């Protein structure tokens, strides 16, 4: 059974909602990404999105764009992101991993090779935000062959296509909370509750919400209507703020402690 399915089943049985952090692999470094993943798990994260740095991240706001640029300067590639997952496993991390990448890196690596590597490195799902449903047939077939969940994004503007999108979904459906790119927000799209109800009525899969969720109050708002909550930019910003601490061996544990405490705070 795919680890994503197992985790959501466990949480449902316990009446809990998944906390799903997003981080950019390689920011500040691959080694520190592994250490941060350990802290996320210790802080109560349930699944984690491993962001592949990309030079033209169309769905990402300035915080994640900045982290991508820092990681790219360190020569972080899709292969190094996938290899980091294995290194995290060797360090004892058991969280289900989801690779968040744009289509170009997948295409450059090769579709077949990408899914072979995901399976070999114990990555359970993949999100490709710029791959339209109408053009994903080859990728979807490879994902199914390798038992990797291809997780779709559904936006508030997708009403006419919601049922078609979720019929193809595996693992969970990622609901976008707001129009535009990722980033910390104080308000969400008008009609978000109705949108979530519409998505939930169209699928038996868990639904998770992301884009803009940054604090415990916002996580709590969605826990009663969603099966998972994704926190990206707020965590990436915390990592950026702790960069000097993390990169100094004398203060690294303090930097890691701050990330763990932020995760605990989100979890509630």
C-alpha atoms as a PDB file:
ATOM      1  CA  UNK A   1       0.000   0.000   0.000  1.00  0.00           C
ATOM      2  CA  UNK A   2       1.280   3.463  -0.847  1.00  0.00           C
ATOM      3  CA  UNK A   3       2.560   5.300   2.254  1.00  0.00           C
ATOM      4  CA  UNK A   4       0.323   8.294   1.516  1.00  0.00           C
ATOM      5  CA  UNK A   5      -2.767   6.091   1.674  1.00  0.00           C
ATOM      6  CA  UNK A   6      -1.549   4.416   4.853  1.00  0.00           C
ATOM      7  CA  UNK A   7      -0.895   7.740   6.574  1.00  0.00           C
ATOM      8  CA  UNK A   8      -4.281   9.241   5.695  1.00  0.00           C
ATOM      9  CA  UNK A   9      -6.024   6.050   6.813  1.00  0.00           C
ATOM     10  CA  UNK A  10      -4.218   6.204  10.162  1.00  0.00           C
ATOM     11  CA  UNK A  11      -5.119   9.849  10.637  1.00  0.00           C
ATOM     12  CA  UNK A  12      -8.748   9.298   9.689  1.00  0.00           C
ATOM     13  CA  UNK A  13      -9.034   6.467  12.220  1.00  0.00           C
ATOM     14  CA  UNK A  14      -7.602   8.782  14.870  1.00  0.00           C
ATOM     15  CA  UNK A  15      -9.827  11.708  13.850  1.00  0.00           C
ATOM     16  CA  UNK A  16      -6.822  13.856  12.955  1.00  0.00           C
ATOM     17  CA  UNK A  17      -5.855  16.135  10.068  1.00  0.00           C
ATOM     18  CA  UNK A  18      -2.527  15.796   8.246  1.00  0.00           C
ATOM     19  CA  UNK A  19       0.050  18.537   8.589  1.00  0.00           C
ATOM     20  CA  UNK A  20       1.987  18.661   5.312  1.00  0.00           C
ATOM     21  CA  UNK A  21       5.009  20.979   5.292  1.00  0.00           C
ATOM     22  CA  UNK A  22       6.703  22.032   2.055  1.00  0.00           C
ATOM     23  CA  UNK A  23      10.410  22.819   1.890  1.00  0.00           C
ATOM     24  CA  UNK A  24      12.854  23.520  -0.906  1.00  0.00           C
ATOM     25  CA  UNK A  25      15.475  20.781  -1.025  1.00  0.00           C
ATOM     26  CA  UNK A  26      19.000  22.178  -0.777  1.00  0.00           C
ATOM     27  CA  UNK A  27      18.072  25.368   1.056  1.00  0.00           C
ATOM     28  CA  UNK A  28      20.332  25.996   2.903  1.00  0.00           C
ATOM     29  CA  UNK A  29      22.035  22.688   1.867  1.00  0.00           C
ATOM     30  CA  UNK A  30      21.204  19.047   1.203  1.00  0.00           C
ATOM     31  CA  UNK A  31      22.721  18.017   4.525  1.00  0.00           C
ATOM     32  CA  UNK A  32      20.642  20.568   6.399  1.00  0.00           C
ATOM     33  CA  UNK A  33      17.526  19.543   4.478  1.00  0.00           C
ATOM     34  CA  UNK A  34      17.935  16.078   5.989  1.00  0.00           C
ATOM     35  CA  UNK A  35      18.307  17.575   9.464  1.00  0.00           C
ATOM     36  CA  UNK A  36      15.253  19.787   8.915  1.00  0.00           C
ATOM     37  CA  UNK A  37      13.194  16.792   7.785  1.00  0.00           C
ATOM     38  CA  UNK A  38      14.074  15.076  11.065  1.00  0.00           C
ATOM     39  CA  UNK A  39      12.853  18.128  12.971  1.00  0.00           C
ATOM     40  CA  UNK A  40       9.623  18.308  10.972  1.00  0.00           C
ATOM     41  CA  UNK A  41       8.867  14.702  11.840  1.00  0.00           C
ATOM     42  CA  UNK A  42       9.729  15.299  15.500  1.00  0.00           C
ATOM     43  CA  UNK A  43       7.417  18.324  15.452  1.00  0.00           C
ATOM     44  CA  UNK A  44       4.419  16.302  14.297  1.00  0.00           C
ATOM     45  CA  UNK A  45       4.430  16.609  10.510  1.00  0.00           C
ATOM     46  CA  UNK A  46       2.574  13.761   8.813  1.00  0.00           C
ATOM     47  CA  UNK A  47       3.727  13.993   5.191  1.00  0.00           C
ATOM     48  CA  UNK A  48       6.196  16.346   3.510  1.00  0.00           C
ATOM     49  CA  UNK A  49       6.537  17.942   0.090  1.00  0.00           C
ATOM     50  CA  UNK A  50      10.077  18.017  -1.240  1.00  0.00           C
ATOM     51  CA  UNK A  51      10.323  21.042  -3.501  1.00  0.00           C
ATOM     52  CA  UNK A  52      12.622  20.816  -6.514  1.00  0.00           C
ATOM     53  CA  UNK A  53      14.243  24.233  -7.100  1.00  0.00           C
ATOM     54  CA  UNK A  54      13.358  25.645 -10.488  1.00  0.00           C
ATOM     55  CA  UNK A  55      14.345  28.829 -12.307  1.00  0.00           C
ATOM     56  CA  UNK A  56      10.816  29.725 -13.457  1.00  0.00           C
ATOM     57  CA  UNK A  57       8.444  28.532 -10.710  1.00  0.00           C
ATOM     58  CA  UNK A  58       5.127  29.793 -12.060  1.00  0.00           C
ATOM     59  CA  UNK A  59       3.039  28.796  -9.023  1.00  0.00           C
ATOM     60  CA  UNK A  60       5.460  30.065  -6.395  1.00  0.00           C
ATOM     61  CA  UNK A  61       5.565  33.438  -4.692  1.00  0.00           C
ATOM     62  CA  UNK A  62       8.694  35.406  -3.737  1.00  0.00           C
ATOM     63  CA  UNK A  63       9.589  33.430  -0.605  1.00  0.00           C
ATOM     64  CA  UNK A  64       9.784  30.079  -2.383  1.00  0.00           C
ATOM     65  CA  UNK A  65      11.314  31.682  -5.469  1.00  0.00           C
ATOM     66  CA  UNK A  66      14.082  32.999  -3.233  1.00  0.00           C
ATOM     67  CA  UNK A  67      14.698  29.575  -1.716  1.00  0.00           C
ATOM     68  CA  UNK A  68      14.839  28.059  -5.212  1.00  0.00           C
ATOM     69  CA  UNK A  69      17.442  30.574  -6.287  1.00  0.00           C
ATOM     70  CA  UNK A  70      19.580  29.809  -3.233  1.00  0.00           C
ATOM     71  CA  UNK A  71      19.328  26.064  -3.878  1.00  0.00           C
ATOM     72  CA  UNK A  72      20.091  26.451  -7.581  1.00  0.00           C
ATOM     73  CA  UNK A  73      23.277  28.329  -6.695  1.00  0.00           C
ATOM     74  CA  UNK A  74      24.265  25.147  -4.867  1.00  0.00           C
ATOM     75  CA  UNK A  75      23.676  23.119  -8.045  1.00  0.00           C
ATOM     76  CA  UNK A  76      20.641  21.320  -6.603  1.00  0.00           C
ATOM     77  CA  UNK A  77      18.844  19.320  -9.312  1.00  0.00           C
ATOM     78  CA  UNK A  78      15.879  16.981  -9.444  1.00  0.00           C
ATOM     79  CA  UNK A  79      18.285  14.057  -9.062  1.00  0.00           C
ATOM     80  CA  UNK A  80      19.874  15.537  -5.948  1.00  0.00           C
ATOM     81  CA  UNK A  81      16.395  16.144  -4.510  1.00  0.00           C
ATOM     82  CA  UNK A  82      15.477  12.512  -5.050  1.00  0.00           C
ATOM     83  CA  UNK A  83      18.781  11.365  -3.562  1.00  0.00           C
ATOM     84  CA  UNK A  84      18.155  13.560  -0.516  1.00  0.00           C
ATOM     85  CA  UNK A  85      15.017  11.530   0.162  1.00  0.00           C
ATOM     86  CA  UNK A  86      17.135   8.401   0.450  1.00  0.00           C
ATOM     87  CA  UNK A  87      19.591  10.172   2.738  1.00  0.00           C
ATOM     88  CA  UNK A  88      16.685  11.207   4.958  1.00  0.00           C
ATOM     89  CA  UNK A  89      15.479   7.610   5.083  1.00  0.00           C
ATOM     90  CA  UNK A  90      18.964   6.484   6.092  1.00  0.00           C
ATOM     91  CA  UNK A  91      18.804   9.068   8.893  1.00  0.00           C
ATOM     92  CA  UNK A  92      15.593   7.541  10.197  1.00  0.00           C
ATOM     93  CA  UNK A  93      12.900   9.766   8.660  1.00  0.00           C
ATOM     94  CA  UNK A  94       9.733   7.747   7.997  1.00  0.00           C
ATOM     95  CA  UNK A  95       7.401  10.484   6.686  1.00  0.00           C
ATOM     96  CA  UNK A  96       5.767   9.850   3.296  1.00  0.00           C
ATOM     97  CA  UNK A  97       7.563  11.979   0.705  1.00  0.00           C
ATOM     98  CA  UNK A  98       5.906  13.868  -2.164  1.00  0.00           C
ATOM     99  CA  UNK A  99       8.092  15.418  -4.847  1.00  0.00           C
ATOM    100  CA  UNK A 100       6.873  18.876  -5.910  1.00  0.00           C
ATOM    101  CA  UNK A 101       8.398  19.709  -9.273  1.00  0.00           C
ATOM    102  CA  UNK A 102       7.659  21.472 -12.510  1.00  0.00           C
ATOM    103  CA  UNK A 103       7.449  19.478 -15.711  1.00  0.00           C
ATOM    104  CA  UNK A 104      10.680  20.654 -17.339  1.00  0.00           C
ATOM    105  CA  UNK A 105      13.021  18.938 -14.823  1.00  0.00           C
ATOM    106  CA  UNK A 106      11.016  15.722 -15.214  1.00  0.00           C
ATOM    107  CA  UNK A 107      11.196  15.945 -18.986  1.00  0.00           C
ATOM    108  CA  UNK A 108      14.927  16.671 -18.933  1.00  0.00           C
ATOM    109  CA  UNK A 109      15.627  13.721 -16.654  1.00  0.00           C
ATOM    110  CA  UNK A 110      13.327  11.495 -18.689  1.00  0.00           C
ATOM    111  CA  UNK A 111       9.827  10.434 -17.728  1.00  0.00           C
ATOM    112  CA  UNK A 112      10.616   6.739 -17.283  1.00  0.00           C
ATOM    113  CA  UNK A 113      13.832   7.451 -15.375  1.00  0.00           C
ATOM    114  CA  UNK A 114      12.087   9.910 -13.075  1.00  0.00           C
ATOM    115  CA  UNK A 115       9.531   7.368 -11.931  1.00  0.00           C
ATOM    116  CA  UNK A 116      12.121   4.619 -11.617  1.00  0.00           C
ATOM    117  CA  UNK A 117      14.116   6.870  -9.284  1.00  0.00           C
ATOM    118  CA  UNK A 118      11.055   7.907  -7.274  1.00  0.00           C
ATOM    119  CA  UNK A 119      10.226   4.256  -6.638  1.00  0.00           C
ATOM    120  CA  UNK A 120      13.848   3.347  -5.837  1.00  0.00           C
ATOM    121  CA  UNK A 121      14.180   6.221  -3.365  1.00  0.00           C
ATOM    122  CA  UNK A 122      10.888   5.629  -1.530  1.00  0.00           C
ATOM    123  CA  UNK A 123       9.046   8.739  -2.708  1.00  0.00           C
ATOM    124  CA  UNK A 124       5.315   8.066  -2.646  1.00  0.00           C
ATOM    125  CA  UNK A 125       3.820  10.903  -4.677  1.00  0.00           C
ATOM    126  CA  UNK A 126       4.514  13.649  -7.171  1.00  0.00           C
ATOM    127  CA  UNK A 127       2.895  17.038  -7.833  1.00  0.00           C
ATOM    128  CA  UNK A 128       3.530  18.743 -11.185  1.00  0.00           C
ATOM    129  CA  UNK A 129       1.592  22.032 -11.086  1.00  0.00           C
ATOM    130  CA  UNK A 130       2.230  23.034 -14.702  1.00  0.00           C
ATOM    131  CA  UNK A 131       1.165  19.712 -16.250  1.00  0.00           C
ATOM    132  CA  UNK A 132      -2.453  20.069 -17.447  1.00  0.00           C
ATOM    133  CA  UNK A 133      -4.848  17.202 -16.888  1.00  0.00           C
ATOM    134  CA  UNK A 134      -5.444  17.029 -20.642  1.00  0.00           C
ATOM    135  CA  UNK A 135      -1.750  16.341 -21.277  1.00  0.00           C
ATOM    136  CA  UNK A 136      -0.829  14.025 -18.403  1.00  0.00           C
ATOM    137  CA  UNK A 137      -1.693  10.635 -19.893  1.00  0.00           C
ATOM    138  CA  UNK A 138       1.901   9.400 -20.284  1.00  0.00           C
ATOM    139  CA  UNK A 139       2.947  10.655 -16.865  1.00  0.00           C
ATOM    140  CA  UNK A 140      -0.156   9.188 -15.237  1.00  0.00           C
ATOM    141  CA  UNK A 141       0.497   5.778 -16.817  1.00  0.00           C
ATOM    142  CA  UNK A 142       4.092   5.772 -15.559  1.00  0.00           C
ATOM    143  CA  UNK A 143       2.999   6.859 -12.095  1.00  0.00           C
ATOM    144  CA  UNK A 144       0.507   4.008 -11.889  1.00  0.00           C
ATOM    145  CA  UNK A 145       3.059   1.496 -13.186  1.00  0.00           C
ATOM    146  CA  UNK A 146       5.532   2.486 -10.481  1.00  0.00           C
ATOM    147  CA  UNK A 147       2.879   2.841  -7.729  1.00  0.00           C
ATOM    148  CA  UNK A 148       3.536   6.571  -7.349  1.00  0.00           C
ATOM    149  CA  UNK A 149       0.561   8.843  -6.711  1.00  0.00           C
ATOM    150  CA  UNK A 150       0.138  11.698  -9.203  1.00  0.00           C
ATOM    151  CA  UNK A 151      -1.541  14.348  -7.047  1.00  0.00           C
ATOM    152  CA  UNK A 152      -3.547  17.064  -8.823  1.00  0.00           C
ATOM    153  CA  UNK A 153      -4.040  20.697  -7.893  1.00  0.00           C
ATOM    154  CA  UNK A 154      -7.571  22.071  -8.027  1.00  0.00           C
ATOM    155  CA  UNK A 155      -8.143  25.830  -7.892  1.00  0.00           C
ATOM    156  CA  UNK A 156     -11.280  27.846  -7.072  1.00  0.00           C
ATOM    157  CA  UNK A 157     -11.468  28.680 -10.777  1.00  0.00           C
ATOM    158  CA  UNK A 158     -11.617  24.960 -11.720  1.00  0.00           C
ATOM    159  CA  UNK A 159     -15.336  24.478 -11.060  1.00  0.00           C
ATOM    160  CA  UNK A 160     -16.193  23.179 -14.530  1.00  0.00           C
ATOM    161  CA  UNK A 161     -13.301  20.690 -14.405  1.00  0.00           C
ATOM    162  CA  UNK A 162     -13.305  19.567 -10.773  1.00  0.00           C
ATOM    163  CA  UNK A 163     -14.964  16.205 -11.352  1.00  0.00           C
ATOM    164  CA  UNK A 164     -12.735  15.380 -14.327  1.00  0.00           C
ATOM    165  CA  UNK A 165      -9.609  16.305 -12.367  1.00  0.00           C
ATOM    166  CA  UNK A 166     -10.419  14.345  -9.232  1.00  0.00           C
ATOM    167  CA  UNK A 167     -11.467  11.252 -11.173  1.00  0.00           C
ATOM    168  CA  UNK A 168      -7.797  10.879 -12.153  1.00  0.00           C
ATOM    169  CA  UNK A 169      -6.411  11.701  -8.721  1.00  0.00           C
ATOM    170  CA  UNK A 170      -4.420   9.378  -6.496  1.00  0.00           C
ATOM    171  CA  UNK A 171      -3.389   9.866  -2.865  1.00  0.00           C
ATOM    172  CA  UNK A 172      -5.226  13.098  -2.190  1.00  0.00           C
ATOM    173  CA  UNK A 173      -6.540  16.171  -3.964  1.00  0.00           C
ATOM    174  CA  UNK A 174      -4.582  19.383  -3.388  1.00  0.00           C
ATOM    175  CA  UNK A 175      -7.010  22.299  -3.156  1.00  0.00           C
ATOM    176  CA  UNK A 176      -5.554  25.762  -3.798  1.00  0.00           C
ATOM    177  CA  UNK A 177      -6.860  28.198  -1.187  1.00  0.00           C
ATOM    178  CA  UNK A 178      -6.378  31.397  -3.169  1.00  0.00           C
ATOM    179  CA  UNK A 179      -5.968  32.747  -6.654  1.00  0.00           C
ATOM    180  CA  UNK A 180      -2.401  33.528  -7.686  1.00  0.00           C
ATOM    181  CA  UNK A 181       0.912  32.148  -6.446  1.00  0.00           C
ATOM    182  CA  UNK A 182       2.028  30.717  -3.117  1.00  0.00           C
ATOM    183  CA  UNK A 183       2.728  33.058  -0.229  1.00  0.00           C
ATOM    184  CA  UNK A 184       1.644  33.986   3.280  1.00  0.00           C
ATOM    185  CA  UNK A 185      -1.888  35.444   3.350  1.00  0.00           C
ATOM    186  CA  UNK A 186      -4.228  36.912   5.918  1.00  0.00           C
ATOM    187  CA  UNK A 187      -7.334  36.250   3.811  1.00  0.00           C
ATOM    188  CA  UNK A 188      -8.398  33.498   1.436  1.00  0.00           C
ATOM    189  CA  UNK A 189     -10.514  33.303  -1.689  1.00  0.00           C
ATOM    190  CA  UNK A 190     -14.121  34.320  -1.151  1.00  0.00           C
ATOM    191  CA  UNK A 191     -16.253  31.213  -1.276  1.00  0.00           C
ATOM    192  CA  UNK A 192     -13.451  28.909  -0.138  1.00  0.00           C
ATOM    193  CA  UNK A 193     -15.782  26.843   2.083  1.00  0.00           C
ATOM    194  CA  UNK A 194     -18.186  26.193  -0.780  1.00  0.00           C
ATOM    195  CA  UNK A 195     -15.264  25.316  -3.052  1.00  0.00           C
ATOM    196  CA  UNK A 196     -13.961  22.759  -0.555  1.00  0.00           C
ATOM    197  CA  UNK A 197     -17.404  21.220  -0.139  1.00  0.00           C
ATOM    198  CA  UNK A 198     -17.693  20.912  -3.928  1.00  0.00           C
ATOM    199  CA  UNK A 199     -14.346  19.130  -4.187  1.00  0.00           C
ATOM    200  CA  UNK A 200     -15.110  16.850  -1.261  1.00  0.00           C
ATOM    201  CA  UNK A 201     -18.453  15.858  -2.762  1.00  0.00           C
ATOM    202  CA  UNK A 202     -16.716  14.864  -6.007  1.00  0.00           C
ATOM    203  CA  UNK A 203     -14.202  12.397  -4.543  1.00  0.00           C
ATOM    204  CA  UNK A 204     -13.688   9.765  -1.883  1.00  0.00           C
ATOM    205  CA  UNK A 205     -10.027  10.711  -1.613  1.00  0.00           C
ATOM    206  CA  UNK A 206      -8.719  12.939   1.164  1.00  0.00           C
ATOM    207  CA  UNK A 207      -8.524  16.622   0.305  1.00  0.00           C
ATOM    208  CA  UNK A 208      -5.732  18.922   1.453  1.00  0.00           C
ATOM    209  CA  UNK A 209      -5.559  22.682   1.231  1.00  0.00           C
ATOM    210  CA  UNK A 210      -2.508  24.854   0.639  1.00  0.00           C
ATOM    211  CA  UNK A 211      -1.195  28.185  -0.691  1.00  0.00           C
ATOM    212  CA  UNK A 212      -0.990  30.896   1.950  1.00  0.00           C
ATOM    213  CA  UNK A 213      -1.535  28.986   5.183  1.00  0.00           C
ATOM    214  CA  UNK A 214       1.000  30.250   7.684  1.00  0.00           C
ATOM    215  CA  UNK A 215      -0.080  29.911  11.318  1.00  0.00           C
ATOM    216  CA  UNK A 216      -1.946  27.736  13.800  1.00  0.00           C
ATOM    217  CA  UNK A 217      -5.130  29.805  13.559  1.00  0.00           C
ATOM    218  CA  UNK A 218      -5.333  29.229   9.798  1.00  0.00           C
ATOM    219  CA  UNK A 219      -4.492  25.538  10.129  1.00  0.00           C
ATOM    220  CA  UNK A 220      -7.261  25.164  12.712  1.00  0.00           C
ATOM    221  CA  UNK A 221      -9.725  26.943  10.409  1.00  0.00           C
ATOM    222  CA  UNK A 222      -9.355  24.226   7.798  1.00  0.00           C
ATOM    223  CA  UNK A 223      -8.942  21.169  10.023  1.00  0.00           C
ATOM    224  CA  UNK A 224     -12.688  20.690  10.315  1.00  0.00           C
ATOM    225  CA  UNK A 225     -13.272  20.683   6.546  1.00  0.00           C
ATOM    226  CA  UNK A 226     -10.056  19.199   5.113  1.00  0.00           C
ATOM    227  CA  UNK A 227      -8.071  16.016   5.638  1.00  0.00           C
ATOM    228  CA  UNK A 228      -4.740  17.794   5.279  1.00  0.00           C
ATOM    229  CA  UNK A 229      -3.227  21.269   5.462  1.00  0.00           C
ATOM    230  CA  UNK A 230      -0.089  22.290   3.538  1.00  0.00           C
ATOM    231  CA  UNK A 231       2.237  24.945   4.939  1.00  0.00           C
ATOM    232  CA  UNK A 232       4.947  26.104   2.539  1.00  0.00           C
ATOM    233  CA  UNK A 233       6.035  29.737   2.359  1.00  0.00           C
ATOM    234  CA  UNK A 234       5.786  30.281   6.121  1.00  0.00           C
ATOM    235  CA  UNK A 235       8.106  27.343   6.801  1.00  0.00           C
ATOM    236  CA  UNK A 236      10.514  28.296   4.006  1.00  0.00           C
ATOM    237  CA  UNK A 237      10.669  31.791   5.477  1.00  0.00           C
ATOM    238  CA  UNK A 238      11.458  30.376   8.938  1.00  0.00           C
ATOM    239  CA  UNK A 239      14.281  28.350   7.400  1.00  0.00           C
ATOM    240  CA  UNK A 240      15.600  31.461   5.670  1.00  0.00           C
ATOM    241  CA  UNK A 241      15.456  33.437   8.938  1.00  0.00           C
ATOM    242  CA  UNK A 242      17.383  30.661  10.686  1.00  0.00           C
ATOM    243  CA  UNK A 243      19.981  30.265   7.920  1.00  0.00           C
ATOM    244  CA  UNK A 244      22.877  31.842   9.810  1.00  0.00           C
ATOM    245  CA  UNK A 245      22.131  29.702  12.853  1.00  0.00           C
ATOM    246  CA  UNK A 246      21.820  26.562  10.724  1.00  0.00           C
ATOM    247  CA  UNK A 247      25.072  27.078   8.858  1.00  0.00           C
ATOM    248  CA  UNK A 248      27.121  27.641  12.020  1.00  0.00           C
ATOM    249  CA  UNK A 249      27.920  24.381  13.797  1.00  0.00           C
ATOM    250  CA  UNK A 250      27.926  26.181  17.148  1.00  0.00           C
ATOM    251  CA  UNK A 251      24.332  27.404  16.694  1.00  0.00           C
ATOM    252  CA  UNK A 252      22.892  24.782  14.344  1.00  0.00           C
ATOM    253  CA  UNK A 253      20.888  23.014  17.042  1.00  0.00           C
ATOM    254  CA  UNK A 254      19.224  26.301  17.998  1.00  0.00           C
ATOM    255  CA  UNK A 255      18.212  26.866  14.366  1.00  0.00           C
ATOM    256  CA  UNK A 256      16.810  23.347  14.131  1.00  0.00           C
ATOM    257  CA  UNK A 257      14.984  23.787  17.448  1.00  0.00           C
ATOM    258  CA  UNK A 258      13.204  26.867  16.083  1.00  0.00           C
ATOM    259  CA  UNK A 259      11.982  24.904  13.059  1.00  0.00           C
ATOM    260  CA  UNK A 260      10.765  22.052  15.245  1.00  0.00           C
ATOM    261  CA  UNK A 261       8.944  24.483  17.549  1.00  0.00           C
ATOM    262  CA  UNK A 262       7.268  26.169  14.598  1.00  0.00           C
ATOM    263  CA  UNK A 263       6.038  22.757  13.418  1.00  0.00           C
ATOM    264  CA  UNK A 264       4.742  21.935  16.897  1.00  0.00           C
ATOM    265  CA  UNK A 265       2.948  25.276  16.967  1.00  0.00           C
ATOM    266  CA  UNK A 266       1.260  24.561  13.628  1.00  0.00           C
ATOM    267  CA  UNK A 267       0.240  21.103  14.789  1.00  0.00           C
ATOM    268  CA  UNK A 268      -1.408  22.503  17.904  1.00  0.00           C
END
